[in-house]
């Protein structure tokens, strides 16, 4: 179990690094959308999270192995 958790952290860390390296490009292309990233590419993008999750499942992907984030509209800042 512990090994699987470590693998998931590693998968998400790599996807987050890829997202950060391509953030400007992704912001232009996917403004106001939720995006799913896997293996250094955008797997899917949707305006509604529910639709994105359904699309990921229809593609046969394990949601736990997909990095999901939201690209806010231009001019909107997210506070974490």
PDB file of N, CA and C in Angstrom:
ATOM      1  N   UNK A   1       0.827  -1.196   0.000  1.00  0.00           N
ATOM      2  CA  UNK A   1       0.000   0.000   0.000  1.00  0.00           C
ATOM      3  C   UNK A   1       0.867   1.254   0.000  1.00  0.00           C
ATOM      4  N   UNK A   2       1.898   1.264   0.856  1.00  0.00           N
ATOM      5  CA  UNK A   2       2.773   2.430   0.949  1.00  0.00           C
ATOM      6  C   UNK A   2       3.475   2.686  -0.380  1.00  0.00           C
ATOM      7  N   UNK A   3       3.878   1.613  -1.062  1.00  0.00           N
ATOM      8  CA  UNK A   3       4.549   1.763  -2.353  1.00  0.00           C
ATOM      9  C   UNK A   3       3.613   2.417  -3.367  1.00  0.00           C
ATOM     10  N   UNK A   4       2.351   2.027  -3.368  1.00  0.00           N
ATOM     11  CA  UNK A   4       1.387   2.601  -4.303  1.00  0.00           C
ATOM     12  C   UNK A   4       1.201   4.093  -4.035  1.00  0.00           C
ATOM     13  N   UNK A   5       1.126   4.489  -2.793  1.00  0.00           N
ATOM     14  CA  UNK A   5       0.973   5.901  -2.446  1.00  0.00           C
ATOM     15  C   UNK A   5       2.182   6.688  -2.936  1.00  0.00           C
ATOM     16  N   UNK A   6       3.370   6.146  -2.760  1.00  0.00           N
ATOM     17  CA  UNK A   6       4.580   6.811  -3.235  1.00  0.00           C
ATOM     18  C   UNK A   6       4.569   6.945  -4.753  1.00  0.00           C
ATOM     19  N   UNK A   7       4.089   5.917  -5.443  1.00  0.00           N
ATOM     20  CA  UNK A   7       3.994   5.971  -6.906  1.00  0.00           C
ATOM     21  C   UNK A   7       3.023   7.068  -7.340  1.00  0.00           C
ATOM     22  N   UNK A   8       1.892   7.179  -6.660  1.00  0.00           N
ATOM     23  CA  UNK A   8       0.910   8.207  -7.008  1.00  0.00           C
ATOM     24  C   UNK A   8       1.472   9.600  -6.782  1.00  0.00           C
ATOM     25  N   UNK A   9       2.200   9.795  -5.683  1.00  0.00           N
ATOM     26  CA  UNK A   9       2.831  11.087  -5.432  1.00  0.00           C
ATOM     27  C   UNK A   9       3.822  11.418  -6.542  1.00  0.00           C
ATOM     28  N   UNK A  10       4.585  10.438  -6.967  1.00  0.00           N
ATOM     29  CA  UNK A  10       5.572  10.653  -8.021  1.00  0.00           C
ATOM     30  C   UNK A  10       4.895  11.011  -9.347  1.00  0.00           C
ATOM     31  N   UNK A  11       3.826  10.301  -9.675  1.00  0.00           N
ATOM     32  CA  UNK A  11       3.075  10.590 -10.903  1.00  0.00           C
ATOM     33  C   UNK A  11       2.560  12.029 -10.880  1.00  0.00           C
ATOM     34  N   UNK A  12       1.949  12.428  -9.768  1.00  0.00           N
ATOM     35  CA  UNK A  12       1.389  13.770  -9.670  1.00  0.00           C
ATOM     36  C   UNK A  12       2.482  14.833  -9.655  1.00  0.00           C
ATOM     37  N   UNK A  13       3.589  14.538  -9.015  1.00  0.00           N
ATOM     38  CA  UNK A  13       4.693  15.494  -8.977  1.00  0.00           C
ATOM     39  C   UNK A  13       5.241  15.746 -10.381  1.00  0.00           C
ATOM     40  N   UNK A  14       5.423  14.696 -11.170  1.00  0.00           N
ATOM     41  CA  UNK A  14       5.916  14.840 -12.541  1.00  0.00           C
ATOM     42  C   UNK A  14       4.918  15.609 -13.402  1.00  0.00           C
ATOM     43  N   UNK A  15       3.641  15.319 -13.227  1.00  0.00           N
ATOM     44  CA  UNK A  15       2.616  16.034 -14.000  1.00  0.00           C
ATOM     45  C   UNK A  15       2.556  17.501 -13.614  1.00  0.00           C
ATOM     46  N   UNK A  16       2.694  17.787 -12.326  1.00  0.00           N
ATOM     47  CA  UNK A  16       2.680  19.174 -11.869  1.00  0.00           C
ATOM     48  C   UNK A  16       3.898  19.932 -12.398  1.00  0.00           C
ATOM     49  N   UNK A  17       5.046  19.278 -12.432  1.00  0.00           N
ATOM     50  CA  UNK A  17       6.243  19.907 -12.994  1.00  0.00           C
ATOM     51  C   UNK A  17       6.045  20.210 -14.475  1.00  0.00           C
ATOM     52  N   UNK A  18       5.462  19.268 -15.215  1.00  0.00           N
ATOM     53  CA  UNK A  18       5.192  19.480 -16.639  1.00  0.00           C
ATOM     54  C   UNK A  18       4.200  20.629 -16.823  1.00  0.00           C
ATOM     55  N   UNK A  19       3.171  20.651 -15.992  1.00  0.00           N
ATOM     56  CA  UNK A  19       2.191  21.739 -16.050  1.00  0.00           C
ATOM     57  C   UNK A  19       2.871  23.088 -15.827  1.00  0.00           C
ATOM     58  N   UNK A  20       3.708  23.176 -14.819  1.00  0.00           N
ATOM     59  CA  UNK A  20       4.402  24.431 -14.509  1.00  0.00           C
ATOM     60  C   UNK A  20       5.290  24.871 -15.668  1.00  0.00           C
ATOM     61  N   UNK A  21       5.967  23.933 -16.299  1.00  0.00           N
ATOM     62  CA  UNK A  21       6.852  24.259 -17.419  1.00  0.00           C
ATOM     63  C   UNK A  21       6.080  24.721 -18.651  1.00  0.00           C
ATOM     64  N   UNK A  22       4.817  24.332 -18.773  1.00  0.00           N
ATOM     65  CA  UNK A  22       3.998  24.671 -19.947  1.00  0.00           C
ATOM     66  C   UNK A  22       2.796  25.552 -19.581  1.00  0.00           C
ATOM     67  N   UNK A  23       2.829  26.141 -18.423  1.00  0.00           N
ATOM     68  CA  UNK A  23       1.663  26.839 -17.895  1.00  0.00           C
ATOM     69  C   UNK A  23       1.143  27.948 -18.804  1.00  0.00           C
ATOM     70  N   UNK A  24       2.009  28.798 -19.317  1.00  0.00           N
ATOM     71  CA  UNK A  24       1.556  29.914 -20.172  1.00  0.00           C
ATOM     72  C   UNK A  24       0.819  29.399 -21.405  1.00  0.00           C
ATOM     73  N   UNK A  25       1.385  28.389 -22.050  1.00  0.00           N
ATOM     74  CA  UNK A  25       0.769  27.797 -23.229  1.00  0.00           C
ATOM     75  C   UNK A  25      -0.590  27.186 -22.877  1.00  0.00           C
ATOM     76  N   UNK A  26      -0.643  26.463 -21.762  1.00  0.00           N
ATOM     77  CA  UNK A  26      -1.887  25.832 -21.332  1.00  0.00           C
ATOM     78  C   UNK A  26      -2.938  26.864 -20.938  1.00  0.00           C
ATOM     79  N   UNK A  27      -2.510  27.971 -20.324  1.00  0.00           N
ATOM     80  CA  UNK A  27      -3.452  29.033 -19.959  1.00  0.00           C
ATOM     81  C   UNK A  27      -4.113  29.623 -21.194  1.00  0.00           C
ATOM     82  N   UNK A  28      -3.351  29.802 -22.262  1.00  0.00           N
ATOM     83  CA  UNK A  28      -3.927  30.347 -23.503  1.00  0.00           C
ATOM     84  C   UNK A  28      -4.906  29.367 -24.143  1.00  0.00           C
ATOM     85  N   UNK A  29      -4.541  28.111 -24.129  1.00  0.00           N
ATOM     86  CA  UNK A  29      -5.342  27.104 -24.835  1.00  0.00           C
ATOM     87  C   UNK A  29      -6.567  26.632 -24.052  1.00  0.00           C
ATOM     88  N   UNK A  30      -6.465  26.589 -22.718  1.00  0.00           N
ATOM     89  CA  UNK A  30      -7.520  25.981 -21.906  1.00  0.00           C
ATOM     90  C   UNK A  30      -8.127  26.931 -20.872  1.00  0.00           C
ATOM     91  N   UNK A  31      -8.163  28.208 -21.190  1.00  0.00           N
ATOM     92  CA  UNK A  31      -8.720  29.199 -20.264  1.00  0.00           C
ATOM     93  C   UNK A  31     -10.138  28.806 -19.841  1.00  0.00           C
ATOM     94  N   UNK A  32     -10.401  28.916 -18.542  1.00  0.00           N
ATOM     95  CA  UNK A  32     -11.714  28.627 -17.942  1.00  0.00           C
ATOM     96  C   UNK A  32     -12.104  27.151 -18.014  1.00  0.00           C
ATOM     97  N   UNK A  33     -11.115  26.270 -18.082  1.00  0.00           N
ATOM     98  CA  UNK A  33     -11.417  24.842 -18.161  1.00  0.00           C
ATOM     99  C   UNK A  33     -10.629  24.054 -17.120  1.00  0.00           C
ATOM    100  N   UNK A  34     -11.198  22.918 -16.758  1.00  0.00           N
ATOM    101  CA  UNK A  34     -10.484  21.924 -15.967  1.00  0.00           C
ATOM    102  C   UNK A  34      -9.700  21.078 -16.963  1.00  0.00           C
ATOM    103  N   UNK A  35      -8.465  20.756 -16.630  1.00  0.00           N
ATOM    104  CA  UNK A  35      -7.684  19.909 -17.517  1.00  0.00           C
ATOM    105  C   UNK A  35      -7.139  18.704 -16.749  1.00  0.00           C
ATOM    106  N   UNK A  36      -7.031  17.603 -17.467  1.00  0.00           N
ATOM    107  CA  UNK A  36      -6.469  16.370 -16.923  1.00  0.00           C
ATOM    108  C   UNK A  36      -5.161  16.109 -17.655  1.00  0.00           C
ATOM    109  N   UNK A  37      -4.095  15.905 -16.886  1.00  0.00           N
ATOM    110  CA  UNK A  37      -2.773  15.685 -17.468  1.00  0.00           C
ATOM    111  C   UNK A  37      -2.279  14.297 -17.076  1.00  0.00           C
ATOM    112  N   UNK A  38      -1.743  13.592 -18.069  1.00  0.00           N
ATOM    113  CA  UNK A  38      -1.136  12.286 -17.820  1.00  0.00           C
ATOM    114  C   UNK A  38      -0.014  12.096 -18.832  1.00  0.00           C
ATOM    115  N   UNK A  39       1.111  11.590 -18.355  1.00  0.00           N
ATOM    116  CA  UNK A  39       2.260  11.316 -19.230  1.00  0.00           C
ATOM    117  C   UNK A  39       2.682  12.531 -20.054  1.00  0.00           C
ATOM    118  N   UNK A  40       2.720  13.674 -19.398  1.00  0.00           N
ATOM    119  CA  UNK A  40       3.197  14.917 -20.015  1.00  0.00           C
ATOM    120  C   UNK A  40       2.359  15.376 -21.205  1.00  0.00           C
ATOM    121  N   UNK A  41       1.057  15.132 -21.128  1.00  0.00           N
ATOM    122  CA  UNK A  41       0.145  15.645 -22.151  1.00  0.00           C
ATOM    123  C   UNK A  41      -1.239  15.845 -21.549  1.00  0.00           C
ATOM    124  N   UNK A  42      -2.013  16.696 -22.193  1.00  0.00           N
ATOM    125  CA  UNK A  42      -3.381  16.934 -21.745  1.00  0.00           C
ATOM    126  C   UNK A  42      -4.239  15.784 -22.254  1.00  0.00           C
ATOM    127  N   UNK A  43      -4.792  15.061 -21.320  1.00  0.00           N
ATOM    128  CA  UNK A  43      -5.634  13.906 -21.627  1.00  0.00           C
ATOM    129  C   UNK A  43      -7.045  14.354 -22.009  1.00  0.00           C
ATOM    130  N   UNK A  44      -7.532  15.400 -21.330  1.00  0.00           N
ATOM    131  CA  UNK A  44      -8.890  15.894 -21.566  1.00  0.00           C
ATOM    132  C   UNK A  44      -9.027  17.286 -20.956  1.00  0.00           C
ATOM    133  N   UNK A  45     -10.015  18.035 -21.464  1.00  0.00           N
ATOM    134  CA  UNK A  45     -10.320  19.363 -20.934  1.00  0.00           C
ATOM    135  C   UNK A  45     -11.823  19.598 -21.044  1.00  0.00           C
ATOM    136  N   UNK A  46     -12.393  20.142 -19.994  1.00  0.00           N
ATOM    137  CA  UNK A  46     -13.836  20.420 -19.951  1.00  0.00           C
ATOM    138  C   UNK A  46     -14.093  21.626 -19.068  1.00  0.00           C
ATOM    139  N   UNK A  47     -15.205  22.311 -19.300  1.00  0.00           N
ATOM    140  CA  UNK A  47     -15.581  23.459 -18.476  1.00  0.00           C
ATOM    141  C   UNK A  47     -16.140  23.026 -17.125  1.00  0.00           C
ATOM    142  N   UNK A  48     -16.687  21.819 -17.046  1.00  0.00           N
ATOM    143  CA  UNK A  48     -17.270  21.318 -15.805  1.00  0.00           C
ATOM    144  C   UNK A  48     -16.483  20.103 -15.316  1.00  0.00           C
ATOM    145  N   UNK A  49     -16.162  20.102 -14.033  1.00  0.00           N
ATOM    146  CA  UNK A  49     -15.367  19.015 -13.460  1.00  0.00           C
ATOM    147  C   UNK A  49     -16.057  17.661 -13.603  1.00  0.00           C
ATOM    148  N   UNK A  50     -17.387  17.632 -13.453  1.00  0.00           N
ATOM    149  CA  UNK A  50     -18.110  16.373 -13.570  1.00  0.00           C
ATOM    150  C   UNK A  50     -17.938  15.766 -14.956  1.00  0.00           C
ATOM    151  N   UNK A  51     -18.015  16.612 -15.986  1.00  0.00           N
ATOM    152  CA  UNK A  51     -17.849  16.135 -17.363  1.00  0.00           C
ATOM    153  C   UNK A  51     -16.423  15.639 -17.589  1.00  0.00           C
ATOM    154  N   UNK A  52     -15.456  16.332 -17.009  1.00  0.00           N
ATOM    155  CA  UNK A  52     -14.066  15.906 -17.142  1.00  0.00           C
ATOM    156  C   UNK A  52     -13.865  14.534 -16.516  1.00  0.00           C
ATOM    157  N   UNK A  53     -14.388  14.340 -15.315  1.00  0.00           N
ATOM    158  CA  UNK A  53     -14.247  13.048 -14.630  1.00  0.00           C
ATOM    159  C   UNK A  53     -14.918  11.923 -15.429  1.00  0.00           C
ATOM    160  N   UNK A  54     -16.082  12.199 -15.993  1.00  0.00           N
ATOM    161  CA  UNK A  54     -16.768  11.202 -16.822  1.00  0.00           C
ATOM    162  C   UNK A  54     -15.941  10.848 -18.049  1.00  0.00           C
ATOM    163  N   UNK A  55     -15.359  11.859 -18.682  1.00  0.00           N
ATOM    164  CA  UNK A  55     -14.545  11.641 -19.873  1.00  0.00           C
ATOM    165  C   UNK A  55     -13.308  10.798 -19.548  1.00  0.00           C
ATOM    166  N   UNK A  56     -12.678  11.094 -18.437  1.00  0.00           N
ATOM    167  CA  UNK A  56     -11.503  10.330 -18.009  1.00  0.00           C
ATOM    168  C   UNK A  56     -11.879   8.862 -17.780  1.00  0.00           C
ATOM    169  N   UNK A  57     -13.004   8.645 -17.116  1.00  0.00           N
ATOM    170  CA  UNK A  57     -13.459   7.278 -16.854  1.00  0.00           C
ATOM    171  C   UNK A  57     -13.811   6.555 -18.152  1.00  0.00           C
ATOM    172  N   UNK A  58     -14.465   7.257 -19.094  1.00  0.00           N
ATOM    173  CA  UNK A  58     -14.816   6.643 -20.385  1.00  0.00           C
ATOM    174  C   UNK A  58     -13.567   6.236 -21.164  1.00  0.00           C
ATOM    175  N   UNK A  59     -12.483   6.970 -20.970  1.00  0.00           N
ATOM    176  CA  UNK A  59     -11.222   6.633 -21.635  1.00  0.00           C
ATOM    177  C   UNK A  59     -10.511   5.478 -20.940  1.00  0.00           C
ATOM    178  N   UNK A  60     -11.095   4.992 -19.842  1.00  0.00           N
ATOM    179  CA  UNK A  60     -10.530   3.863 -19.125  1.00  0.00           C
ATOM    180  C   UNK A  60      -9.350   4.217 -18.234  1.00  0.00           C
ATOM    181  N   UNK A  61      -9.227   5.488 -17.891  1.00  0.00           N
ATOM    182  CA  UNK A  61      -8.114   5.947 -17.061  1.00  0.00           C
ATOM    183  C   UNK A  61      -8.482   5.889 -15.581  1.00  0.00           C
ATOM    184  N   UNK A  62      -7.484   5.626 -14.761  1.00  0.00           N
ATOM    185  CA  UNK A  62      -7.624   5.649 -13.311  1.00  0.00           C
ATOM    186  C   UNK A  62      -7.480   7.111 -12.863  1.00  0.00           C
ATOM    187  N   UNK A  63      -8.530   7.672 -12.323  1.00  0.00           N
ATOM    188  CA  UNK A  63      -8.529   9.076 -11.905  1.00  0.00           C
ATOM    189  C   UNK A  63      -7.405   9.371 -10.916  1.00  0.00           C
ATOM    190  N   UNK A  64      -7.035   8.402 -10.114  1.00  0.00           N
ATOM    191  CA  UNK A  64      -5.956   8.598  -9.145  1.00  0.00           C
ATOM    192  C   UNK A  64      -4.599   8.803  -9.810  1.00  0.00           C
ATOM    193  N   UNK A  65      -4.479   8.411 -11.057  1.00  0.00           N
ATOM    194  CA  UNK A  65      -3.209   8.524 -11.773  1.00  0.00           C
ATOM    195  C   UNK A  65      -3.200   9.688 -12.758  1.00  0.00           C
ATOM    196  N   UNK A  66      -4.193  10.562 -12.647  1.00  0.00           N
ATOM    197  CA  UNK A  66      -4.315  11.712 -13.535  1.00  0.00           C
ATOM    198  C   UNK A  66      -4.251  12.989 -12.699  1.00  0.00           C
ATOM    199  N   UNK A  67      -3.445  13.935 -13.151  1.00  0.00           N
ATOM    200  CA  UNK A  67      -3.327  15.239 -12.484  1.00  0.00           C
ATOM    201  C   UNK A  67      -4.413  16.146 -13.055  1.00  0.00           C
ATOM    202  N   UNK A  68      -5.249  16.696 -12.182  1.00  0.00           N
ATOM    203  CA  UNK A  68      -6.348  17.557 -12.606  1.00  0.00           C
ATOM    204  C   UNK A  68      -6.164  18.934 -11.992  1.00  0.00           C
ATOM    205  N   UNK A  69      -6.329  19.958 -12.824  1.00  0.00           N
ATOM    206  CA  UNK A  69      -6.238  21.332 -12.345  1.00  0.00           C
ATOM    207  C   UNK A  69      -7.207  22.207 -13.135  1.00  0.00           C
ATOM    208  N   UNK A  70      -7.397  23.426 -12.664  1.00  0.00           N
ATOM    209  CA  UNK A  70      -8.296  24.374 -13.321  1.00  0.00           C
ATOM    210  C   UNK A  70      -7.489  25.559 -13.816  1.00  0.00           C
ATOM    211  N   UNK A  71      -7.765  25.977 -15.042  1.00  0.00           N
ATOM    212  CA  UNK A  71      -7.145  27.173 -15.615  1.00  0.00           C
ATOM    213  C   UNK A  71      -8.171  28.296 -15.466  1.00  0.00           C
ATOM    214  N   UNK A  72      -7.930  29.252 -14.571  1.00  0.00           N
ATOM    215  CA  UNK A  72      -8.905  30.318 -14.358  1.00  0.00           C
ATOM    216  C   UNK A  72      -8.987  31.268 -15.558  1.00  0.00           C
ATOM    217  N   UNK A  73     -10.081  32.013 -15.661  1.00  0.00           N
ATOM    218  CA  UNK A  73     -10.195  33.009 -16.732  1.00  0.00           C
ATOM    219  C   UNK A  73      -9.093  34.070 -16.589  1.00  0.00           C
ATOM    220  N   UNK A  74      -8.735  34.633 -17.707  1.00  0.00           N
ATOM    221  CA  UNK A  74      -7.712  35.674 -17.709  1.00  0.00           C
ATOM    222  C   UNK A  74      -8.122  36.802 -16.770  1.00  0.00           C
ATOM    223  N   UNK A  75      -7.181  37.239 -15.941  1.00  0.00           N
ATOM    224  CA  UNK A  75      -7.440  38.335 -15.010  1.00  0.00           C
ATOM    225  C   UNK A  75      -7.968  37.902 -13.652  1.00  0.00           C
ATOM    226  N   UNK A  76      -8.214  36.606 -13.482  1.00  0.00           N
ATOM    227  CA  UNK A  76      -8.706  36.084 -12.218  1.00  0.00           C
ATOM    228  C   UNK A  76      -7.547  35.385 -11.511  1.00  0.00           C
ATOM    229  N   UNK A  77      -7.308  35.758 -10.273  1.00  0.00           N
ATOM    230  CA  UNK A  77      -6.235  35.129  -9.498  1.00  0.00           C
ATOM    231  C   UNK A  77      -6.822  34.108  -8.542  1.00  0.00           C
ATOM    232  N   UNK A  78      -6.132  33.000  -8.406  1.00  0.00           N
ATOM    233  CA  UNK A  78      -6.542  31.977  -7.456  1.00  0.00           C
ATOM    234  C   UNK A  78      -5.709  32.106  -6.199  1.00  0.00           C
ATOM    235  N   UNK A  79      -6.365  32.056  -5.070  1.00  0.00           N
ATOM    236  CA  UNK A  79      -5.671  32.128  -3.787  1.00  0.00           C
ATOM    237  C   UNK A  79      -5.704  30.735  -3.174  1.00  0.00           C
ATOM    238  N   UNK A  80      -4.541  30.177  -2.941  1.00  0.00           N
ATOM    239  CA  UNK A  80      -4.461  28.818  -2.385  1.00  0.00           C
ATOM    240  C   UNK A  80      -4.084  28.872  -0.940  1.00  0.00           C
TER     241      UNK A  80
END
